[in-house]
Amino acid sequence: MTGQRSNLKTQVKDSTANSTFIYKVLKQVSPNTGISNNAMHAVNDFVIDMMRKLCFESYELLEMQGKKICSSREIQTSVRLVVPGELAKHAISEGTKACVKYMNYKKEGEGNLNKNVASGLTLSCSRIRNLMLLLTPIQSVGQCADIYLTAVLEYLLAEILELASIVTKDMKRVRIIPRSLMMAIRNDEELSKMTKHVTIISSGVMPNIYGQLLPQ
């Protein structure tokens, strides 16, 4: 019985872990920067949380329309509702680009290639699709919905990792740590607004000195 429970925990843990794909995205934006285990857990949690937020918004839209199948249209609308400003515009552009590339690949009849190869994405589309069905109320996923959502998540992930790598270099470190993640997010207006209720463990606080305490 104990063995069955441990196997179940391992399956649940593995199904929500995107560490391999996150590391690949990091190497694309900053080849010479590493990432600590704590920072990797924080980034993985960000991907899962954003996926759930977008999916819950999409589910609300499905309920309002009386539909059951989540398509890329619902994902796109949820991005506009959840992601602020220019981030949303670029995320929508990346999602649309990935879907168009996949559909063109499919029309050309290049064989039974997986969605990642056809859409050119690094994060696993099949894993995101499984998480949509496992962690959210959505019961049916359309053909391009998982591709669109994966492209949006990958864009947001790349933005955070790129900013965090810059902060890491300024701190004269070679690996991203939770503090560099926090400072990268809080120093960006739109990312800070999007994650205003998020706390990163072991990240400390933003450096701030009241003006009244500064020497005159």
C-alpha atoms as a PDB file:
ATOM      1  CA  MET A   1       0.000   0.000   0.000  1.00  0.00           C
ATOM      2  CA  THR A   2       2.846   2.333   0.863  1.00  0.00           C
ATOM      3  CA  GLY A   3       4.468   1.602  -2.481  1.00  0.00           C
ATOM      4  CA  GLN A   4       1.263   2.474  -4.341  1.00  0.00           C
ATOM      5  CA  ARG A   5       0.996   5.817  -2.512  1.00  0.00           C
ATOM      6  CA  SER A   6       4.609   6.716  -3.281  1.00  0.00           C
ATOM      7  CA  ASN A   7       4.086   5.852  -6.956  1.00  0.00           C
ATOM      8  CA  LEU A   8       0.972   8.050  -7.052  1.00  0.00           C
ATOM      9  CA  LYS A   9       2.881  10.972  -5.496  1.00  0.00           C
ATOM     10  CA  THR A  10       5.671  10.511  -8.028  1.00  0.00           C
ATOM     11  CA  GLN A  11       3.203  10.518 -10.940  1.00  0.00           C
ATOM     12  CA  VAL A  12       1.493  13.710  -9.707  1.00  0.00           C
ATOM     13  CA  LYS A  13       4.852  15.411  -9.116  1.00  0.00           C
ATOM     14  CA  ASP A  14       6.171  14.397 -12.552  1.00  0.00           C
ATOM     15  CA  SER A  15       3.001  15.543 -14.314  1.00  0.00           C
ATOM     16  CA  THR A  16       3.371  19.118 -13.028  1.00  0.00           C
ATOM     17  CA  ALA A  17       7.166  19.426 -13.390  1.00  0.00           C
ATOM     18  CA  ASN A  18       8.460  21.417 -16.361  1.00  0.00           C
ATOM     19  CA  SER A  19      12.070  21.751 -15.215  1.00  0.00           C
ATOM     20  CA  THR A  20      13.634  20.236 -18.336  1.00  0.00           C
ATOM     21  CA  PHE A  21      11.725  22.552 -20.656  1.00  0.00           C
ATOM     22  CA  ILE A  22      12.303  25.611 -18.461  1.00  0.00           C
ATOM     23  CA  TYR A  23      16.045  24.956 -18.562  1.00  0.00           C
ATOM     24  CA  LYS A  24      15.933  24.755 -22.378  1.00  0.00           C
ATOM     25  CA  VAL A  25      14.113  28.107 -22.554  1.00  0.00           C
ATOM     26  CA  LEU A  26      16.713  29.622 -20.206  1.00  0.00           C
ATOM     27  CA  LYS A  27      19.548  28.456 -22.450  1.00  0.00           C
ATOM     28  CA  GLN A  28      17.822  30.080 -25.428  1.00  0.00           C
ATOM     29  CA  VAL A  29      17.605  33.505 -23.773  1.00  0.00           C
ATOM     30  CA  SER A  30      20.838  33.365 -21.747  1.00  0.00           C
ATOM     31  CA  PRO A  31      23.198  30.478 -22.617  1.00  0.00           C
ATOM     32  CA  ASN A  32      25.770  31.303 -19.923  1.00  0.00           C
ATOM     33  CA  THR A  33      23.358  31.576 -16.989  1.00  0.00           C
ATOM     34  CA  GLY A  34      22.337  28.729 -14.679  1.00  0.00           C
ATOM     35  CA  ILE A  35      19.457  28.467 -12.224  1.00  0.00           C
ATOM     36  CA  SER A  36      19.234  27.188  -8.638  1.00  0.00           C
ATOM     37  CA  ASN A  37      16.787  24.514  -7.510  1.00  0.00           C
ATOM     38  CA  ASN A  38      14.716  26.973  -5.466  1.00  0.00           C
ATOM     39  CA  ALA A  39      14.479  29.363  -8.403  1.00  0.00           C
ATOM     40  CA  MET A  40      13.524  26.488 -10.705  1.00  0.00           C
ATOM     41  CA  HIS A  41      10.685  25.527  -8.354  1.00  0.00           C
ATOM     42  CA  ALA A  42       9.508  29.152  -8.278  1.00  0.00           C
ATOM     43  CA  VAL A  43       9.537  29.414 -12.083  1.00  0.00           C
ATOM     44  CA  ASN A  44       7.733  26.085 -12.447  1.00  0.00           C
ATOM     45  CA  ASP A  45       5.064  27.288  -9.999  1.00  0.00           C
ATOM     46  CA  PHE A  46       4.707  30.469 -12.067  1.00  0.00           C
ATOM     47  CA  VAL A  47       4.043  28.431 -15.224  1.00  0.00           C
ATOM     48  CA  ILE A  48       1.443  26.282 -13.445  1.00  0.00           C
ATOM     49  CA  ASP A  49      -0.265  29.280 -11.793  1.00  0.00           C
ATOM     50  CA  MET A  50      -0.481  31.234 -15.054  1.00  0.00           C
ATOM     51  CA  MET A  51      -1.815  28.180 -16.848  1.00  0.00           C
ATOM     52  CA  ARG A  52      -4.537  27.776 -14.227  1.00  0.00           C
ATOM     53  CA  LYS A  53      -5.485  31.462 -14.266  1.00  0.00           C
ATOM     54  CA  LEU A  54      -5.845  31.500 -18.032  1.00  0.00           C
ATOM     55  CA  CYS A  55      -7.751  28.209 -18.055  1.00  0.00           C
ATOM     56  CA  PHE A  56     -10.175  29.314 -15.340  1.00  0.00           C
ATOM     57  CA  GLU A  57     -10.910  32.499 -17.295  1.00  0.00           C
ATOM     58  CA  SER A  58     -11.421  30.387 -20.423  1.00  0.00           C
ATOM     59  CA  TYR A  59     -13.793  28.088 -18.513  1.00  0.00           C
ATOM     60  CA  GLU A  60     -15.867  31.104 -17.423  1.00  0.00           C
ATOM     61  CA  LEU A  61     -16.113  32.162 -21.067  1.00  0.00           C
ATOM     62  CA  LEU A  62     -17.184  28.644 -22.071  1.00  0.00           C
ATOM     63  CA  GLU A  63     -19.891  28.669 -19.397  1.00  0.00           C
ATOM     64  CA  MET A  64     -21.198  32.033 -20.612  1.00  0.00           C
ATOM     65  CA  GLN A  65     -21.380  30.791 -24.213  1.00  0.00           C
ATOM     66  CA  GLY A  66     -22.738  27.355 -23.360  1.00  0.00           C
ATOM     67  CA  LYS A  67     -19.778  25.643 -25.044  1.00  0.00           C
ATOM     68  CA  LYS A  68     -17.816  22.616 -23.874  1.00  0.00           C
ATOM     69  CA  ILE A  69     -14.700  22.591 -26.050  1.00  0.00           C
ATOM     70  CA  CYS A  70     -11.997  25.131 -25.186  1.00  0.00           C
ATOM     71  CA  SER A  71     -10.527  26.633 -28.348  1.00  0.00           C
ATOM     72  CA  SER A  72      -7.697  29.068 -29.013  1.00  0.00           C
ATOM     73  CA  ARG A  73     -10.288  31.877 -29.153  1.00  0.00           C
ATOM     74  CA  GLU A  74     -11.127  31.439 -25.455  1.00  0.00           C
ATOM     75  CA  ILE A  75      -7.429  31.270 -24.562  1.00  0.00           C
ATOM     76  CA  GLN A  76      -6.788  34.486 -26.500  1.00  0.00           C
ATOM     77  CA  THR A  77      -9.619  36.310 -24.710  1.00  0.00           C
ATOM     78  CA  SER A  78      -8.385  35.087 -21.325  1.00  0.00           C
ATOM     79  CA  VAL A  79      -4.892  36.423 -22.136  1.00  0.00           C
ATOM     80  CA  ARG A  80      -6.412  39.858 -22.767  1.00  0.00           C
ATOM     81  CA  LEU A  81      -8.174  39.667 -19.387  1.00  0.00           C
ATOM     82  CA  VAL A  82      -5.278  38.368 -17.280  1.00  0.00           C
ATOM     83  CA  VAL A  83      -2.087  39.693 -18.867  1.00  0.00           C
ATOM     84  CA  PRO A  84      -1.598  43.498 -18.816  1.00  0.00           C
ATOM     85  CA  GLY A  85      -0.564  45.937 -21.542  1.00  0.00           C
ATOM     86  CA  GLU A  86       2.194  45.190 -24.024  1.00  0.00           C
ATOM     87  CA  LEU A  87       2.797  41.762 -22.499  1.00  0.00           C
ATOM     88  CA  ALA A  88      -0.661  40.680 -23.656  1.00  0.00           C
ATOM     89  CA  LYS A  89      -0.089  41.989 -27.187  1.00  0.00           C
ATOM     90  CA  HIS A  90       3.202  40.136 -27.570  1.00  0.00           C
ATOM     91  CA  ALA A  91       1.810  36.980 -25.927  1.00  0.00           C
ATOM     92  CA  ILE A  92      -1.171  36.959 -28.324  1.00  0.00           C
ATOM     93  CA  SER A  93       1.200  37.474 -31.241  1.00  0.00           C
ATOM     94  CA  GLU A  94       3.317  34.499 -30.168  1.00  0.00           C
ATOM     95  CA  GLY A  95       0.246  32.308 -29.683  1.00  0.00           C
ATOM     96  CA  THR A  96      -1.171  33.187 -33.087  1.00  0.00           C
ATOM     97  CA  LYS A  97       2.200  32.646 -34.755  1.00  0.00           C
ATOM     98  CA  ALA A  98       2.560  29.154 -33.221  1.00  0.00           C
ATOM     99  CA  CYS A  99      -0.963  28.114 -34.284  1.00  0.00           C
ATOM    100  CA  VAL A 100      -0.481  29.381 -37.842  1.00  0.00           C
ATOM    101  CA  LYS A 101       2.838  27.547 -38.118  1.00  0.00           C
ATOM    102  CA  TYR A 102       1.243  24.328 -36.859  1.00  0.00           C
ATOM    103  CA  MET A 103      -1.710  24.564 -39.276  1.00  0.00           C
ATOM    104  CA  ASN A 104       0.613  25.261 -42.226  1.00  0.00           C
ATOM    105  CA  TYR A 105       2.735  22.278 -41.272  1.00  0.00           C
ATOM    106  CA  LYS A 106      -0.388  20.140 -41.098  1.00  0.00           C
ATOM    107  CA  LYS A 107      -1.635  21.286 -44.524  1.00  0.00           C
ATOM    108  CA  GLU A 108       1.690  20.401 -46.104  1.00  0.00           C
ATOM    109  CA  GLY A 109       1.271  16.848 -44.815  1.00  0.00           C
ATOM    110  CA  GLU A 110       4.712  16.487 -43.279  1.00  0.00           C
ATOM    111  CA  GLY A 111       3.755  13.278 -41.472  1.00  0.00           C
ATOM    112  CA  ASN A 112       2.745  12.560 -37.885  1.00  0.00           C
ATOM    113  CA  LEU A 113       5.116  15.032 -36.233  1.00  0.00           C
ATOM    114  CA  ASN A 114       4.317  16.123 -32.702  1.00  0.00           C
ATOM    115  CA  LYS A 115       2.913  19.557 -31.988  1.00  0.00           C
ATOM    116  CA  ASN A 116       6.164  20.911 -30.580  1.00  0.00           C
ATOM    117  CA  VAL A 117       8.065  20.165 -33.781  1.00  0.00           C
ATOM    118  CA  ALA A 118       5.276  21.578 -35.964  1.00  0.00           C
ATOM    119  CA  SER A 119       4.771  24.761 -33.912  1.00  0.00           C
ATOM    120  CA  GLY A 120       8.427  25.365 -33.008  1.00  0.00           C
ATOM    121  CA  LEU A 121       7.784  25.559 -29.254  1.00  0.00           C
ATOM    122  CA  THR A 122      10.081  24.456 -26.437  1.00  0.00           C
ATOM    123  CA  LEU A 123       7.570  23.890 -23.636  1.00  0.00           C
ATOM    124  CA  SER A 124       5.723  20.598 -24.052  1.00  0.00           C
ATOM    125  CA  CYS A 125       2.290  21.076 -25.679  1.00  0.00           C
ATOM    126  CA  SER A 126       1.149  17.602 -24.630  1.00  0.00           C
ATOM    127  CA  ARG A 127       2.133  18.248 -21.014  1.00  0.00           C
ATOM    128  CA  ILE A 128       0.287  21.584 -20.957  1.00  0.00           C
ATOM    129  CA  ARG A 129      -2.748  19.859 -22.478  1.00  0.00           C
ATOM    130  CA  ASN A 130      -2.673  17.187 -19.762  1.00  0.00           C
ATOM    131  CA  LEU A 131      -2.349  19.858 -17.060  1.00  0.00           C
ATOM    132  CA  MET A 132      -5.343  21.720 -18.518  1.00  0.00           C
ATOM    133  CA  LEU A 133      -7.453  18.592 -18.096  1.00  0.00           C
ATOM    134  CA  LEU A 134      -5.931  17.605 -14.750  1.00  0.00           C
ATOM    135  CA  LEU A 135      -5.817  20.897 -12.805  1.00  0.00           C
ATOM    136  CA  THR A 136      -8.668  22.958 -14.295  1.00  0.00           C
ATOM    137  CA  PRO A 137     -12.435  22.497 -14.873  1.00  0.00           C
ATOM    138  CA  ILE A 138     -11.915  22.305 -18.654  1.00  0.00           C
ATOM    139  CA  GLN A 139     -13.027  18.900 -19.909  1.00  0.00           C
ATOM    140  CA  SER A 140     -12.287  19.127 -23.627  1.00  0.00           C
ATOM    141  CA  VAL A 141      -9.431  20.918 -25.421  1.00  0.00           C
ATOM    142  CA  GLY A 142      -9.584  22.061 -29.036  1.00  0.00           C
ATOM    143  CA  GLN A 143      -6.969  21.340 -31.678  1.00  0.00           C
ATOM    144  CA  CYS A 144      -4.917  24.522 -31.261  1.00  0.00           C
ATOM    145  CA  ALA A 145      -5.885  25.593 -27.727  1.00  0.00           C
ATOM    146  CA  ASP A 146      -2.970  23.806 -26.062  1.00  0.00           C
ATOM    147  CA  ILE A 147      -0.532  25.161 -28.676  1.00  0.00           C
ATOM    148  CA  TYR A 148      -1.773  28.717 -28.155  1.00  0.00           C
ATOM    149  CA  LEU A 149      -1.575  28.421 -24.362  1.00  0.00           C
ATOM    150  CA  THR A 150       1.891  26.842 -24.505  1.00  0.00           C
ATOM    151  CA  ALA A 151       3.166  29.669 -26.729  1.00  0.00           C
ATOM    152  CA  VAL A 152       1.795  32.298 -24.333  1.00  0.00           C
ATOM    153  CA  LEU A 153       3.346  30.592 -21.302  1.00  0.00           C
ATOM    154  CA  GLU A 154       6.676  30.190 -23.095  1.00  0.00           C
ATOM    155  CA  TYR A 155       6.748  33.882 -24.004  1.00  0.00           C
ATOM    156  CA  LEU A 156       6.036  34.990 -20.424  1.00  0.00           C
ATOM    157  CA  LEU A 157       8.585  32.494 -19.127  1.00  0.00           C
ATOM    158  CA  ALA A 158      11.255  33.764 -21.528  1.00  0.00           C
ATOM    159  CA  GLU A 159      10.576  37.367 -20.489  1.00  0.00           C
ATOM    160  CA  ILE A 160      11.038  36.584 -16.798  1.00  0.00           C
ATOM    161  CA  LEU A 161      14.148  34.447 -17.331  1.00  0.00           C
ATOM    162  CA  GLU A 162      15.765  37.073 -19.551  1.00  0.00           C
ATOM    163  CA  LEU A 163      15.194  39.846 -16.994  1.00  0.00           C
ATOM    164  CA  ALA A 164      16.319  37.560 -14.156  1.00  0.00           C
ATOM    165  CA  SER A 165      19.537  36.694 -16.000  1.00  0.00           C
ATOM    166  CA  ILE A 166      20.318  40.418 -16.355  1.00  0.00           C
ATOM    167  CA  VAL A 167      19.747  40.937 -12.622  1.00  0.00           C
ATOM    168  CA  THR A 168      21.905  37.881 -11.904  1.00  0.00           C
ATOM    169  CA  LYS A 169      24.803  39.354 -13.908  1.00  0.00           C
ATOM    170  CA  ASP A 170      24.414  42.670 -12.070  1.00  0.00           C
ATOM    171  CA  MET A 171      24.671  40.732  -8.798  1.00  0.00           C
ATOM    172  CA  LYS A 172      27.881  39.125 -10.161  1.00  0.00           C
ATOM    173  CA  ARG A 173      26.414  35.628  -9.955  1.00  0.00           C
ATOM    174  CA  VAL A 174      26.283  32.822 -12.489  1.00  0.00           C
ATOM    175  CA  ARG A 175      22.996  31.244 -11.399  1.00  0.00           C
ATOM    176  CA  ILE A 176      19.500  32.690 -11.084  1.00  0.00           C
ATOM    177  CA  ILE A 177      18.289  32.613  -7.479  1.00  0.00           C
ATOM    178  CA  PRO A 178      14.839  33.460  -6.026  1.00  0.00           C
ATOM    179  CA  ARG A 179      15.978  36.998  -5.154  1.00  0.00           C
ATOM    180  CA  SER A 180      17.018  37.772  -8.725  1.00  0.00           C
ATOM    181  CA  LEU A 181      13.627  36.490  -9.915  1.00  0.00           C
ATOM    182  CA  MET A 182      11.815  38.729  -7.447  1.00  0.00           C
ATOM    183  CA  MET A 183      13.848  41.820  -8.351  1.00  0.00           C
ATOM    184  CA  ALA A 184      13.404  41.171 -12.086  1.00  0.00           C
ATOM    185  CA  ILE A 185       9.625  40.911 -11.713  1.00  0.00           C
ATOM    186  CA  ARG A 186       9.186  43.853  -9.317  1.00  0.00           C
ATOM    187  CA  ASN A 187      11.334  46.168 -11.450  1.00  0.00           C
ATOM    188  CA  ASP A 188       9.112  45.520 -14.483  1.00  0.00           C
ATOM    189  CA  GLU A 189       5.805  47.399 -14.253  1.00  0.00           C
ATOM    190  CA  GLU A 190       3.651  44.951 -16.197  1.00  0.00           C
ATOM    191  CA  LEU A 191       5.120  41.760 -14.691  1.00  0.00           C
ATOM    192  CA  SER A 192       4.783  43.291 -11.220  1.00  0.00           C
ATOM    193  CA  LYS A 193       1.139  44.139 -11.891  1.00  0.00           C
ATOM    194  CA  MET A 194       0.424  40.640 -13.193  1.00  0.00           C
ATOM    195  CA  THR A 195       2.005  38.972 -10.129  1.00  0.00           C
ATOM    196  CA  LYS A 196       1.120  41.528  -7.445  1.00  0.00           C
ATOM    197  CA  HIS A 197      -0.353  38.850  -5.143  1.00  0.00           C
ATOM    198  CA  VAL A 198       2.577  36.441  -5.624  1.00  0.00           C
ATOM    199  CA  THR A 199       5.308  35.887  -3.029  1.00  0.00           C
ATOM    200  CA  ILE A 200       8.518  34.098  -4.013  1.00  0.00           C
ATOM    201  CA  ILE A 201       9.977  32.054  -1.164  1.00  0.00           C
ATOM    202  CA  SER A 202      13.512  32.997  -0.010  1.00  0.00           C
ATOM    203  CA  SER A 203      13.552  36.079  -2.230  1.00  0.00           C
ATOM    204  CA  GLY A 204      13.781  38.731   0.495  1.00  0.00           C
ATOM    205  CA  VAL A 205      12.340  42.221  -0.023  1.00  0.00           C
ATOM    206  CA  MET A 206      12.931  45.020  -2.505  1.00  0.00           C
ATOM    207  CA  PRO A 207      15.730  47.413  -1.412  1.00  0.00           C
ATOM    208  CA  ASN A 208      14.136  50.693  -0.374  1.00  0.00           C
ATOM    209  CA  ILE A 209      15.248  53.627   1.771  1.00  0.00           C
ATOM    210  CA  TYR A 210      12.792  56.314   2.832  1.00  0.00           C
ATOM    211  CA  GLY A 211      13.728  59.769   1.606  1.00  0.00           C
ATOM    212  CA  GLN A 212      13.505  61.180   5.135  1.00  0.00           C
ATOM    213  CA  LEU A 213      16.342  58.885   6.246  1.00  0.00           C
ATOM    214  CA  LEU A 214      18.780  59.983   3.552  1.00  0.00           C
ATOM    215  CA  PRO A 215      21.460  62.527   4.562  1.00  0.00           C
ATOM    216  CA  GLN A 216      20.575  66.102   3.623  1.00  0.00           C
END
